[in-house]
Protein backbone atom coordinates (compact mmCIF):
# COMPACT_ATOMS: atom_id res chain seq x y z
CA MET A 1 109.71 193.05 141.41
CA ALA A 2 109.74 189.57 140.10
CA ASN A 3 112.06 187.35 141.00
CA THR A 4 113.45 185.46 138.13
CA ALA A 5 115.09 181.83 137.82
CA SER A 6 118.73 181.59 137.54
CA SER A 7 121.41 179.01 137.31
CA ILE A 8 124.96 179.02 138.04
CA CYS A 9 127.69 176.31 136.07
CA VAL A 10 128.97 174.65 138.68
CA VAL A 11 131.03 171.84 136.51
CA GLU A 12 132.64 173.45 133.36
CA GLU A 13 133.06 170.41 131.22
CA THR A 14 132.42 166.49 131.97
CA THR A 15 132.10 163.76 129.95
CA VAL A 16 128.79 161.45 129.93
CA ALA A 17 130.08 157.95 130.96
CA GLY A 18 128.50 154.56 129.94
CA THR A 19 127.23 155.95 126.67
CA ARG A 20 128.98 152.59 125.04
CA HIS A 21 126.40 150.92 127.15
CA VAL A 22 123.31 152.57 125.83
CA PRO A 23 121.95 150.69 122.47
CA GLY A 24 121.84 153.33 119.44
CA VAL A 25 122.97 156.14 121.83
CA ALA A 26 125.22 157.57 118.27
CA GLU A 27 121.43 157.75 116.78
CA LEU A 28 120.15 159.54 119.38
CA ALA A 29 123.17 161.84 119.65
CA GLU A 30 122.55 163.07 116.56
CA GLY A 31 119.36 164.90 117.29
CA TYR A 32 120.99 166.82 120.19
CA ALA A 33 122.33 170.45 119.45
CA LYS A 34 124.89 172.34 121.57
CA GLY A 35 122.65 173.62 124.78
CA GLU A 36 120.67 170.66 124.93
CA ARG A 37 119.14 170.27 128.62
CA PHE A 38 119.11 166.81 130.44
CA SER A 39 117.86 165.82 133.55
CA LEU A 40 120.21 164.65 136.20
CA VAL A 41 118.63 161.43 138.51
CA ARG A 42 120.02 160.28 141.66
CA ASP A 43 120.33 156.31 141.39
CA ALA A 44 121.42 156.01 145.19
CA ALA A 45 120.91 152.25 144.80
CA ASN A 46 123.66 151.64 142.15
CA ARG A 47 125.32 148.79 142.80
CA PHE A 48 128.41 149.75 141.32
CA ASP A 49 128.60 153.38 142.41
CA PRO A 50 126.68 154.43 145.24
CA TRP A 51 127.31 158.17 143.96
CA ALA A 52 125.51 157.41 140.78
CA VAL A 53 123.57 159.85 138.76
CA GLU A 54 121.98 159.51 135.53
CA VAL A 55 121.90 161.43 132.83
CA ARG A 56 118.45 161.46 131.38
CA ASP A 57 117.29 163.12 127.80
CA GLY A 58 114.16 164.80 127.05
CA GLN A 59 112.44 161.94 126.43
CA ASP A 60 113.45 160.75 129.72
CA ARG A 61 115.42 158.22 127.70
CA ARG A 62 118.96 157.42 129.82
CA ILE A 63 122.01 158.35 127.76
CA GLY A 64 124.76 157.77 130.21
CA TYR A 65 125.97 159.24 133.59
CA VAL A 66 127.67 161.88 135.17
CA SER A 67 131.23 160.80 135.12
CA CYS A 68 132.76 159.69 138.52
CA GLU A 69 135.31 162.69 138.55
CA CYS A 70 132.24 164.55 139.59
CA ASN A 71 129.58 162.64 140.47
CA GLU A 72 129.72 162.80 144.24
CA PHE A 73 129.51 166.67 144.26
CA VAL A 74 126.26 166.68 141.60
CA GLY A 75 124.81 163.25 143.86
CA ARG A 76 125.10 165.82 146.94
CA LEU A 77 123.22 168.68 145.23
CA LEU A 78 120.46 166.28 144.34
CA ASP A 79 120.51 164.41 147.60
CA GLY A 80 120.08 167.99 149.18
CA GLY A 81 117.31 169.01 147.10
CA LYS A 82 118.87 171.30 144.41
CA SER A 83 117.61 171.47 141.18
CA VAL A 84 120.82 170.53 139.00
CA GLU A 85 121.08 169.61 134.90
CA GLY A 86 123.10 168.82 132.61
CA ARG A 87 124.02 170.90 128.72
CA LEU A 88 125.44 169.57 126.31
CA THR A 89 128.36 171.27 125.09
CA SER A 90 129.90 169.13 122.51
CA ARG A 91 129.35 165.80 120.60
CA GLU A 92 131.61 163.73 118.25
CA GLN A 93 131.85 160.39 117.32
CA VAL A 94 135.14 158.36 118.06
CA GLY A 95 134.86 154.98 116.57
CA ALA A 96 132.06 153.03 118.20
CA TRP A 97 132.19 155.63 120.93
CA CYS A 98 129.63 158.62 121.59
CA ARG A 99 131.53 161.37 123.33
CA LEU A 100 129.14 163.64 124.89
CA VAL A 101 130.46 166.38 126.70
CA MET A 102 127.94 168.90 129.05
CA GLU A 103 128.14 171.27 131.44
CA VAL A 104 126.03 170.77 135.36
CA HIS A 105 124.01 174.13 136.22
CA LEU A 106 122.34 174.52 139.54
CA ASN A 107 119.42 176.50 138.92
CA ASP A 108 117.55 178.83 141.86
């Protein structure tokens, strides 16, 4: 019997933080569909937040950060060598702000 990779949702909903500071993020987000997968990359050297985790799209562009409400948890998983990823659940344009909401999945 072959082993198959599995995934568990460990954060059901979090807003991608810092999208306001990403030039052209609204145009990028127009190309994202529900379920779009994002790489989560630890940024331990971040001078503003020692638990910072970048959110990167399929083209390896930084589109924001994991929200501070759960970034320590996600950062600890990454620091422990675990495979985690974001999956887009919704997006909306709110004035000048592009709100991206994702789940965080732990892959096994």
